[in-house]
C-alpha cells in the first residue's frame, strides 16, 4: 500500500495543534484587551467630572431668540417652545 500524505492520525494531530495555537492566541488577545480596558476605566475614574460651562447671559438671550424664531417660523409648537425655554432658564 502506497500512502501519500500524513494519513488520518497526522491530519488529526495537525488540526489539534492549529486549534490549540488559535485558542492560546485568542486567550492572550482577550487578556490584553481586558487589561487595557481596566487601565482606561481606572484612568477615567481618576479624572474629575467636568461640568459644562454656564452659558453667559448674552448666550442665553441668543438661544431664547433662536427658539422664538423657530416658533415664529412654525418649526416649534407652543408646547415645544415652552419646554425648551424652561429647560434653558433652569440651567
PDB file of N, CA and C in Angstrom:
ATOM      1  N   UNK A   1       0.844  -1.162   0.000  1.00  0.00           N
ATOM      2  CA  UNK A   1       0.000   0.000   0.000  1.00  0.00           C
ATOM      3  C   UNK A   1       0.896   1.233   0.000  1.00  0.00           C
ATOM      4  N   UNK A   2       0.587   2.138  -0.878  1.00  0.00           N
ATOM      5  CA  UNK A   2       1.390   3.338  -1.054  1.00  0.00           C
ATOM      6  C   UNK A   2       0.607   4.546  -0.549  1.00  0.00           C
ATOM      7  N   UNK A   3       1.099   5.178   0.522  1.00  0.00           N
ATOM      8  CA  UNK A   3       0.390   6.328   1.097  1.00  0.00           C
ATOM      9  C   UNK A   3       0.986   7.620   0.584  1.00  0.00           C
ATOM     10  N   UNK A   4       0.106   8.581   0.437  1.00  0.00           N
ATOM     11  CA  UNK A   4       0.528   9.925   0.061  1.00  0.00           C
ATOM     12  C   UNK A   4      -0.011  10.886   1.112  1.00  0.00           C
ATOM     13  N   UNK A   5       0.828  11.470   1.875  1.00  0.00           N
ATOM     14  CA  UNK A   5       0.382  12.418   2.885  1.00  0.00           C
ATOM     15  C   UNK A   5       0.464  11.833   4.270  1.00  0.00           C
ATOM     16  N   UNK A   6       0.066  12.606   5.259  1.00  0.00           N
ATOM     17  CA  UNK A   6       0.258  12.237   6.646  1.00  0.00           C
ATOM     18  C   UNK A   6      -0.728  11.190   7.167  1.00  0.00           C
ATOM     19  N   UNK A   7      -1.785  10.922   6.518  1.00  0.00           N
ATOM     20  CA  UNK A   7      -2.760   9.958   6.996  1.00  0.00           C
ATOM     21  C   UNK A   7      -3.716  10.602   7.996  1.00  0.00           C
ATOM     22  N   UNK A   8      -4.652   9.826   8.433  1.00  0.00           N
ATOM     23  CA  UNK A   8      -5.716  10.325   9.304  1.00  0.00           C
ATOM     24  C   UNK A   8      -5.173  10.799  10.646  1.00  0.00           C
ATOM     25  N   UNK A   9      -4.270  10.029  11.245  1.00  0.00           N
ATOM     26  CA  UNK A   9      -3.719  10.399  12.541  1.00  0.00           C
ATOM     27  C   UNK A   9      -2.886  11.681  12.443  1.00  0.00           C
ATOM     28  N   UNK A  10      -2.132  11.842  11.388  1.00  0.00           N
ATOM     29  CA  UNK A  10      -1.328  13.048  11.194  1.00  0.00           C
ATOM     30  C   UNK A  10      -2.194  14.274  10.994  1.00  0.00           C
ATOM     31  N   UNK A  11      -3.274  14.146  10.228  1.00  0.00           N
ATOM     32  CA  UNK A  11      -4.192  15.263   9.999  1.00  0.00           C
ATOM     33  C   UNK A  11      -4.857  15.664  11.312  1.00  0.00           C
ATOM     34  N   UNK A  12      -5.256  14.683  12.118  1.00  0.00           N
ATOM     35  CA  UNK A  12      -5.893  14.966  13.404  1.00  0.00           C
ATOM     36  C   UNK A  12      -4.907  15.689  14.333  1.00  0.00           C
ATOM     37  N   UNK A  13      -3.648  15.246  14.334  1.00  0.00           N
ATOM     38  CA  UNK A  13      -2.642  15.876  15.188  1.00  0.00           C
ATOM     39  C   UNK A  13      -2.390  17.309  14.744  1.00  0.00           C
ATOM     40  N   UNK A  14      -2.264  17.520  13.447  1.00  0.00           N
ATOM     41  CA  UNK A  14      -2.034  18.870  12.936  1.00  0.00           C
ATOM     42  C   UNK A  14      -3.219  19.778  13.254  1.00  0.00           C
ATOM     43  N   UNK A  15      -4.430  19.280  13.131  1.00  0.00           N
ATOM     44  CA  UNK A  15      -5.632  20.062  13.436  1.00  0.00           C
ATOM     45  C   UNK A  15      -5.647  20.446  14.918  1.00  0.00           C
ATOM     46  N   UNK A  16      -5.262  19.515  15.773  1.00  0.00           N
ATOM     47  CA  UNK A  16      -5.233  19.801  17.208  1.00  0.00           C
ATOM     48  C   UNK A  16      -4.211  20.888  17.528  1.00  0.00           C
ATOM     49  N   UNK A  17      -3.049  20.845  16.870  1.00  0.00           N
ATOM     50  CA  UNK A  17      -2.019  21.851  17.100  1.00  0.00           C
ATOM     51  C   UNK A  17      -2.500  23.218  16.638  1.00  0.00           C
ATOM     52  N   UNK A  18      -3.110  23.277  15.466  1.00  0.00           N
ATOM     53  CA  UNK A  18      -3.612  24.548  14.936  1.00  0.00           C
ATOM     54  C   UNK A  18      -4.708  25.103  15.834  1.00  0.00           C
ATOM     55  N   UNK A  19      -5.634  24.242  16.264  1.00  0.00           N
ATOM     56  CA  UNK A  19      -6.722  24.694  17.132  1.00  0.00           C
ATOM     57  C   UNK A  19      -6.178  25.171  18.472  1.00  0.00           C
ATOM     58  N   UNK A  20      -5.216  24.460  19.027  1.00  0.00           N
ATOM     59  CA  UNK A  20      -4.626  24.864  20.304  1.00  0.00           C
ATOM     60  C   UNK A  20      -3.915  26.194  20.194  1.00  0.00           C
ATOM     61  N   UNK A  21      -3.180  26.390  19.111  1.00  0.00           N
ATOM     62  CA  UNK A  21      -2.476  27.648  18.903  1.00  0.00           C
ATOM     63  C   UNK A  21      -3.473  28.798  18.762  1.00  0.00           C
ATOM     64  N   UNK A  22      -4.513  28.586  17.984  1.00  0.00           N
ATOM     65  CA  UNK A  22      -5.526  29.629  17.796  1.00  0.00           C
ATOM     66  C   UNK A  22      -6.194  29.966  19.121  1.00  0.00           C
ATOM     67  N   UNK A  23      -6.475  28.955  19.927  1.00  0.00           N
ATOM     68  CA  UNK A  23      -7.109  29.180  21.218  1.00  0.00           C
ATOM     69  C   UNK A  23      -6.189  29.964  22.146  1.00  0.00           C
ATOM     70  N   UNK A  24      -4.906  29.631  22.154  1.00  0.00           N
ATOM     71  CA  UNK A  24      -3.939  30.329  23.011  1.00  0.00           C
ATOM     72  C   UNK A  24      -3.789  31.787  22.592  1.00  0.00           C
ATOM     73  N   UNK A  25      -3.704  32.022  21.299  1.00  0.00           N
ATOM     74  CA  UNK A  25      -3.563  33.396  20.801  1.00  0.00           C
ATOM     75  C   UNK A  25      -4.810  34.201  21.135  1.00  0.00           C
ATOM     76  N   UNK A  26      -5.972  33.591  20.927  1.00  0.00           N
ATOM     77  CA  UNK A  26      -7.228  34.279  21.230  1.00  0.00           C
ATOM     78  C   UNK A  26      -7.303  34.632  22.711  1.00  0.00           C
ATOM     79  N   UNK A  27      -6.880  33.713  23.569  1.00  0.00           N
ATOM     80  CA  UNK A  27      -6.889  33.979  25.012  1.00  0.00           C
ATOM     81  C   UNK A  27      -5.980  35.131  25.386  1.00  0.00           C
ATOM     82  N   UNK A  28      -4.793  35.188  24.780  1.00  0.00           N
ATOM     83  CA  UNK A  28      -3.866  36.280  25.077  1.00  0.00           C
ATOM     84  C   UNK A  28      -4.408  37.618  24.594  1.00  0.00           C
ATOM     85  N   UNK A  29      -5.034  37.602  23.426  1.00  0.00           N
ATOM     86  CA  UNK A  29      -5.624  38.843  22.907  1.00  0.00           C
ATOM     87  C   UNK A  29      -6.716  39.339  23.857  1.00  0.00           C
ATOM     88  N   UNK A  30      -7.559  38.433  24.324  1.00  0.00           N
ATOM     89  CA  UNK A  30      -8.614  38.828  25.257  1.00  0.00           C
ATOM     90  C   UNK A  30      -8.031  39.383  26.548  1.00  0.00           C
ATOM     91  N   UNK A  31      -6.966  38.753  27.059  1.00  0.00           N
ATOM     92  CA  UNK A  31      -6.336  39.234  28.284  1.00  0.00           C
ATOM     93  C   UNK A  31      -5.788  40.646  28.094  1.00  0.00           C
ATOM     94  N   UNK A  32      -5.153  40.892  26.967  1.00  0.00           N
ATOM     95  CA  UNK A  32      -4.607  42.226  26.703  1.00  0.00           C
ATOM     96  C   UNK A  32      -5.716  43.263  26.598  1.00  0.00           C
ATOM     97  N   UNK A  33      -6.794  42.896  25.916  1.00  0.00           N
ATOM     98  CA  UNK A  33      -7.903  43.836  25.769  1.00  0.00           C
ATOM     99  C   UNK A  33      -8.524  44.153  27.123  1.00  0.00           C
ATOM    100  N   UNK A  34      -8.675  43.145  27.974  1.00  0.00           N
ATOM    101  CA  UNK A  34      -9.241  43.381  29.298  1.00  0.00           C
ATOM    102  C   UNK A  34      -8.304  44.240  30.139  1.00  0.00           C
ATOM    103  N   UNK A  35      -7.003  44.011  30.023  1.00  0.00           N
ATOM    104  CA  UNK A  35      -6.043  44.822  30.776  1.00  0.00           C
ATOM    105  C   UNK A  35      -6.101  46.275  30.324  1.00  0.00           C
ATOM    106  N   UNK A  36      -6.149  46.493  29.016  1.00  0.00           N
ATOM    107  CA  UNK A  36      -6.236  47.864  28.504  1.00  0.00           C
ATOM    108  C   UNK A  36      -7.535  48.518  28.932  1.00  0.00           C
ATOM    109  N   UNK A  37      -8.621  47.758  28.888  1.00  0.00           N
ATOM    110  CA  UNK A  37      -9.921  48.283  29.290  1.00  0.00           C
ATOM    111  C   UNK A  37      -9.904  48.666  30.768  1.00  0.00           C
ATOM    112  N   UNK A  38      -9.270  47.827  31.592  1.00  0.00           N
ATOM    113  CA  UNK A  38      -9.171  48.127  33.018  1.00  0.00           C
ATOM    114  C   UNK A  38      -8.355  49.376  33.268  1.00  0.00           C
ATOM    115  N   UNK A  39      -7.259  49.554  32.529  1.00  0.00           N
ATOM    116  CA  UNK A  39      -6.429  50.754  32.673  1.00  0.00           C
ATOM    117  C   UNK A  39      -7.210  51.991  32.260  1.00  0.00           C
ATOM    118  N   UNK A  40      -7.960  51.877  31.175  1.00  0.00           N
ATOM    119  CA  UNK A  40      -8.730  53.013  30.682  1.00  0.00           C
ATOM    120  C   UNK A  40      -9.823  53.373  31.683  1.00  0.00           C
ATOM    121  N   UNK A  41     -10.507  52.345  32.235  1.00  0.00           N
ATOM    122  CA  UNK A  41     -11.556  52.610  33.221  1.00  0.00           C
ATOM    123  C   UNK A  41     -10.976  53.264  34.469  1.00  0.00           C
ATOM    124  N   UNK A  42      -9.808  52.792  34.903  1.00  0.00           N
ATOM    125  CA  UNK A  42      -9.172  53.370  36.083  1.00  0.00           C
ATOM    126  C   UNK A  42      -8.772  54.817  35.812  1.00  0.00           C
ATOM    127  N   UNK A  43      -8.305  55.105  34.605  1.00  0.00           N
ATOM    128  CA  UNK A  43      -7.931  56.470  34.237  1.00  0.00           C
ATOM    129  C   UNK A  43      -9.129  57.394  34.200  1.00  0.00           C
ATOM    130  N   UNK A  44     -10.242  56.885  33.728  1.00  0.00           N
ATOM    131  CA  UNK A  44     -11.440  57.719  33.667  1.00  0.00           C
ATOM    132  C   UNK A  44     -11.993  57.970  35.055  1.00  0.00           C
ATOM    133  N   UNK A  45     -11.878  56.980  35.943  1.00  0.00           N
ATOM    134  CA  UNK A  45     -12.391  57.156  37.299  1.00  0.00           C
ATOM    135  C   UNK A  45     -11.564  58.192  38.048  1.00  0.00           C
ATOM    136  N   UNK A  46     -10.271  58.298  37.707  1.00  0.00           N
ATOM    137  CA  UNK A  46      -9.406  59.247  38.394  1.00  0.00           C
ATOM    138  C   UNK A  46      -9.645  60.678  37.933  1.00  0.00           C
ATOM    139  N   UNK A  47     -10.176  60.850  36.726  1.00  0.00           N
ATOM    140  CA  UNK A  47     -10.427  62.195  36.218  1.00  0.00           C
ATOM    141  C   UNK A  47     -11.612  62.815  36.931  1.00  0.00           C
ATOM    142  N   UNK A  48     -11.515  64.072  37.312  1.00  0.00           N
ATOM    143  CA  UNK A  48     -12.674  64.723  37.933  1.00  0.00           C
ATOM    144  C   UNK A  48     -13.768  64.937  36.886  1.00  0.00           C
ATOM    145  N   UNK A  49     -14.984  64.864  37.343  1.00  0.00           N
ATOM    146  CA  UNK A  49     -16.103  65.085  36.441  1.00  0.00           C
ATOM    147  C   UNK A  49     -16.144  66.555  36.057  1.00  0.00           C
ATOM    148  N   UNK A  50     -16.224  66.806  34.782  1.00  0.00           N
ATOM    149  CA  UNK A  50     -16.250  68.196  34.298  1.00  0.00           C
ATOM    150  C   UNK A  50     -17.688  68.637  34.114  1.00  0.00           C
ATOM    151  N   UNK A  51     -17.975  69.814  34.588  1.00  0.00           N
ATOM    152  CA  UNK A  51     -19.299  70.389  34.377  1.00  0.00           C
ATOM    153  C   UNK A  51     -19.268  71.233  33.119  1.00  0.00           C
ATOM    154  N   UNK A  52     -20.380  71.282  32.470  1.00  0.00           N
ATOM    155  CA  UNK A  52     -20.489  72.139  31.296  1.00  0.00           C
ATOM    156  C   UNK A  52     -20.425  73.585  31.774  1.00  0.00           C
ATOM    157  N   UNK A  53     -19.756  74.432  31.005  1.00  0.00           N
ATOM    158  CA  UNK A  53     -19.684  75.838  31.422  1.00  0.00           C
ATOM    159  C   UNK A  53     -21.064  76.475  31.423  1.00  0.00           C
ATOM    160  N   UNK A  54     -21.274  77.345  32.383  1.00  0.00           N
ATOM    161  CA  UNK A  54     -22.547  78.055  32.463  1.00  0.00           C
ATOM    162  C   UNK A  54     -22.657  79.000  31.269  1.00  0.00           C
ATOM    163  N   UNK A  55     -23.802  79.023  30.608  1.00  0.00           N
ATOM    164  CA  UNK A  55     -23.933  79.959  29.486  1.00  0.00           C
ATOM    165  C   UNK A  55     -23.948  81.391  29.997  1.00  0.00           C
ATOM    166  N   UNK A  56     -23.320  82.258  29.235  1.00  0.00           N
ATOM    167  CA  UNK A  56     -23.318  83.670  29.617  1.00  0.00           C
ATOM    168  C   UNK A  56     -24.708  84.239  29.358  1.00  0.00           C
ATOM    169  N   UNK A  57     -25.041  85.348  30.009  1.00  0.00           N
ATOM    170  CA  UNK A  57     -26.368  85.951  29.781  1.00  0.00           C
ATOM    171  C   UNK A  57     -26.616  86.279  28.310  1.00  0.00           C
ATOM    172  N   UNK A  58     -25.563  86.734  27.601  1.00  0.00           N
ATOM    173  CA  UNK A  58     -25.733  87.042  26.184  1.00  0.00           C
ATOM    174  C   UNK A  58     -26.046  85.782  25.386  1.00  0.00           C
ATOM    175  N   UNK A  59     -25.379  84.675  25.753  1.00  0.00           N
ATOM    176  CA  UNK A  59     -25.616  83.406  25.067  1.00  0.00           C
ATOM    177  C   UNK A  59     -27.040  82.925  25.333  1.00  0.00           C
ATOM    178  N   UNK A  60     -27.511  83.082  26.573  1.00  0.00           N
ATOM    179  CA  UNK A  60     -28.862  82.665  26.929  1.00  0.00           C
ATOM    180  C   UNK A  60     -29.888  83.465  26.134  1.00  0.00           C
ATOM    181  N   UNK A  61     -29.661  84.752  26.017  1.00  0.00           N
ATOM    182  CA  UNK A  61     -30.580  85.592  25.241  1.00  0.00           C
ATOM    183  C   UNK A  61     -30.580  85.168  23.772  1.00  0.00           C
ATOM    184  N   UNK A  62     -29.408  84.879  23.252  1.00  0.00           N
ATOM    185  CA  UNK A  62     -29.325  84.422  21.859  1.00  0.00           C
ATOM    186  C   UNK A  62     -30.066  83.115  21.643  1.00  0.00           C
ATOM    187  N   UNK A  63     -29.935  82.196  22.602  1.00  0.00           N
ATOM    188  CA  UNK A  63     -30.637  80.919  22.467  1.00  0.00           C
ATOM    189  C   UNK A  63     -32.151  81.120  22.534  1.00  0.00           C
ATOM    190  N   UNK A  64     -32.586  81.995  23.433  1.00  0.00           N
ATOM    191  CA  UNK A  64     -34.024  82.268  23.535  1.00  0.00           C
ATOM    192  C   UNK A  64     -34.543  82.932  22.259  1.00  0.00           C
ATOM    193  N   UNK A  65     -33.737  83.832  21.687  1.00  0.00           N
ATOM    194  CA  UNK A  65     -34.139  84.468  20.433  1.00  0.00           C
ATOM    195  C   UNK A  65     -34.252  83.442  19.309  1.00  0.00           C
ATOM    196  N   UNK A  66     -33.313  82.492  19.264  1.00  0.00           N
ATOM    197  CA  UNK A  66     -33.382  81.443  18.229  1.00  0.00           C
ATOM    198  C   UNK A  66     -34.620  80.571  18.417  1.00  0.00           C
ATOM    199  N   UNK A  67     -34.930  80.258  19.681  1.00  0.00           N
ATOM    200  CA  UNK A  67     -36.151  79.489  19.942  1.00  0.00           C
ATOM    201  C   UNK A  67     -37.384  80.259  19.482  1.00  0.00           C
ATOM    202  N   UNK A  68     -37.402  81.579  19.776  1.00  0.00           N
ATOM    203  CA  UNK A  68     -38.536  82.412  19.345  1.00  0.00           C
ATOM    204  C   UNK A  68     -38.667  82.432  17.832  1.00  0.00           C
ATOM    205  N   UNK A  69     -37.533  82.478  17.143  1.00  0.00           N
ATOM    206  CA  UNK A  69     -37.575  82.477  15.675  1.00  0.00           C
ATOM    207  C   UNK A  69     -38.098  81.139  15.157  1.00  0.00           C
ATOM    208  N   UNK A  70     -37.695  80.040  15.780  1.00  0.00           N
ATOM    209  CA  UNK A  70     -38.191  78.721  15.353  1.00  0.00           C
ATOM    210  C   UNK A  70     -39.694  78.602  15.580  1.00  0.00           C
ATOM    211  N   UNK A  71     -40.164  79.177  16.694  1.00  0.00           N
ATOM    212  CA  UNK A  71     -41.605  79.149  16.966  1.00  0.00           C
ATOM    213  C   UNK A  71     -42.356  80.002  15.944  1.00  0.00           C
ATOM    214  N   UNK A  72     -41.790  81.177  15.652  1.00  0.00           N
ATOM    215  CA  UNK A  72     -42.434  82.086  14.696  1.00  0.00           C
ATOM    216  C   UNK A  72     -42.515  81.462  13.304  1.00  0.00           C
ATOM    217  N   UNK A  73     -41.487  80.675  12.938  1.00  0.00           N
ATOM    218  CA  UNK A  73     -41.478  80.003  11.632  1.00  0.00           C
ATOM    219  C   UNK A  73     -42.400  78.790  11.595  1.00  0.00           C
ATOM    220  N   UNK A  74     -42.916  78.400  12.753  1.00  0.00           N
ATOM    221  CA  UNK A  74     -43.809  77.248  12.812  1.00  0.00           C
ATOM    222  C   UNK A  74     -43.070  75.927  12.982  1.00  0.00           C
ATOM    223  N   UNK A  75     -41.772  75.990  13.217  1.00  0.00           N
ATOM    224  CA  UNK A  75     -40.987  74.766  13.392  1.00  0.00           C
ATOM    225  C   UNK A  75     -41.245  74.168  14.773  1.00  0.00           C
ATOM    226  N   UNK A  76     -41.397  75.037  15.786  1.00  0.00           N
ATOM    227  CA  UNK A  76     -41.713  74.589  17.142  1.00  0.00           C
ATOM    228  C   UNK A  76     -43.151  74.922  17.474  1.00  0.00           C
ATOM    229  N   UNK A  77     -43.811  74.004  18.163  1.00  0.00           N
ATOM    230  CA  UNK A  77     -45.157  74.287  18.658  1.00  0.00           C
ATOM    231  C   UNK A  77     -45.027  75.123  19.927  1.00  0.00           C
ATOM    232  N   UNK A  78     -46.175  75.640  20.414  1.00  0.00           N
ATOM    233  CA  UNK A  78     -46.154  76.420  21.647  1.00  0.00           C
ATOM    234  C   UNK A  78     -45.625  75.579  22.808  1.00  0.00           C
ATOM    235  N   UNK A  79     -46.035  74.321  22.881  1.00  0.00           N
ATOM    236  CA  UNK A  79     -45.603  73.445  23.970  1.00  0.00           C
ATOM    237  C   UNK A  79     -44.100  73.159  23.880  1.00  0.00           C
ATOM    238  N   UNK A  80     -43.604  72.907  22.670  1.00  0.00           N
ATOM    239  CA  UNK A  80     -42.172  72.650  22.496  1.00  0.00           C
ATOM    240  C   UNK A  80     -41.355  73.891  22.859  1.00  0.00           C
ATOM    241  N   UNK A  81     -41.842  75.054  22.434  1.00  0.00           N
ATOM    242  CA  UNK A  81     -41.156  76.295  22.754  1.00  0.00           C
ATOM    243  C   UNK A  81     -41.088  76.500  24.263  1.00  0.00           C
ATOM    244  N   UNK A  82     -42.227  76.291  24.942  1.00  0.00           N
ATOM    245  CA  UNK A  82     -42.272  76.478  26.392  1.00  0.00           C
ATOM    246  C   UNK A  82     -41.332  75.492  27.096  1.00  0.00           C
ATOM    247  N   UNK A  83     -41.306  74.257  26.643  1.00  0.00           N
ATOM    248  CA  UNK A  83     -40.447  73.254  27.273  1.00  0.00           C
ATOM    249  C   UNK A  83     -38.973  73.608  27.102  1.00  0.00           C
ATOM    250  N   UNK A  84     -38.587  74.030  25.906  1.00  0.00           N
ATOM    251  CA  UNK A  84     -37.196  74.388  25.648  1.00  0.00           C
ATOM    252  C   UNK A  84     -36.808  75.661  26.397  1.00  0.00           C
ATOM    253  N   UNK A  85     -37.724  76.588  26.471  1.00  0.00           N
ATOM    254  CA  UNK A  85     -37.449  77.843  27.205  1.00  0.00           C
ATOM    255  C   UNK A  85     -37.247  77.530  28.679  1.00  0.00           C
ATOM    256  N   UNK A  86     -38.111  76.688  29.242  1.00  0.00           N
ATOM    257  CA  UNK A  86     -37.968  76.320  30.649  1.00  0.00           C
ATOM    258  C   UNK A  86     -36.657  75.572  30.908  1.00  0.00           C
ATOM    259  N   UNK A  87     -36.269  74.722  29.977  1.00  0.00           N
ATOM    260  CA  UNK A  87     -35.010  73.986  30.108  1.00  0.00           C
ATOM    261  C   UNK A  87     -33.828  74.963  30.140  1.00  0.00           C
ATOM    262  N   UNK A  88     -33.835  75.933  29.222  1.00  0.00           N
ATOM    263  CA  UNK A  88     -32.750  76.909  29.182  1.00  0.00           C
ATOM    264  C   UNK A  88     -32.708  77.762  30.461  1.00  0.00           C
ATOM    265  N   UNK A  89     -33.868  78.169  30.931  1.00  0.00           N
ATOM    266  CA  UNK A  89     -33.897  79.032  32.104  1.00  0.00           C
ATOM    267  C   UNK A  89     -33.557  78.268  33.390  1.00  0.00           C
ATOM    268  N   UNK A  90     -33.749  76.960  33.386  1.00  0.00           N
ATOM    269  CA  UNK A  90     -33.434  76.146  34.566  1.00  0.00           C
ATOM    270  C   UNK A  90     -31.939  75.877  34.686  1.00  0.00           C
ATOM    271  N   UNK A  91     -31.187  76.003  33.600  1.00  0.00           N
ATOM    272  CA  UNK A  91     -29.749  75.718  33.629  1.00  0.00           C
ATOM    273  C   UNK A  91     -28.993  76.705  34.421  1.00  0.00           C
TER     274      UNK A  91
END
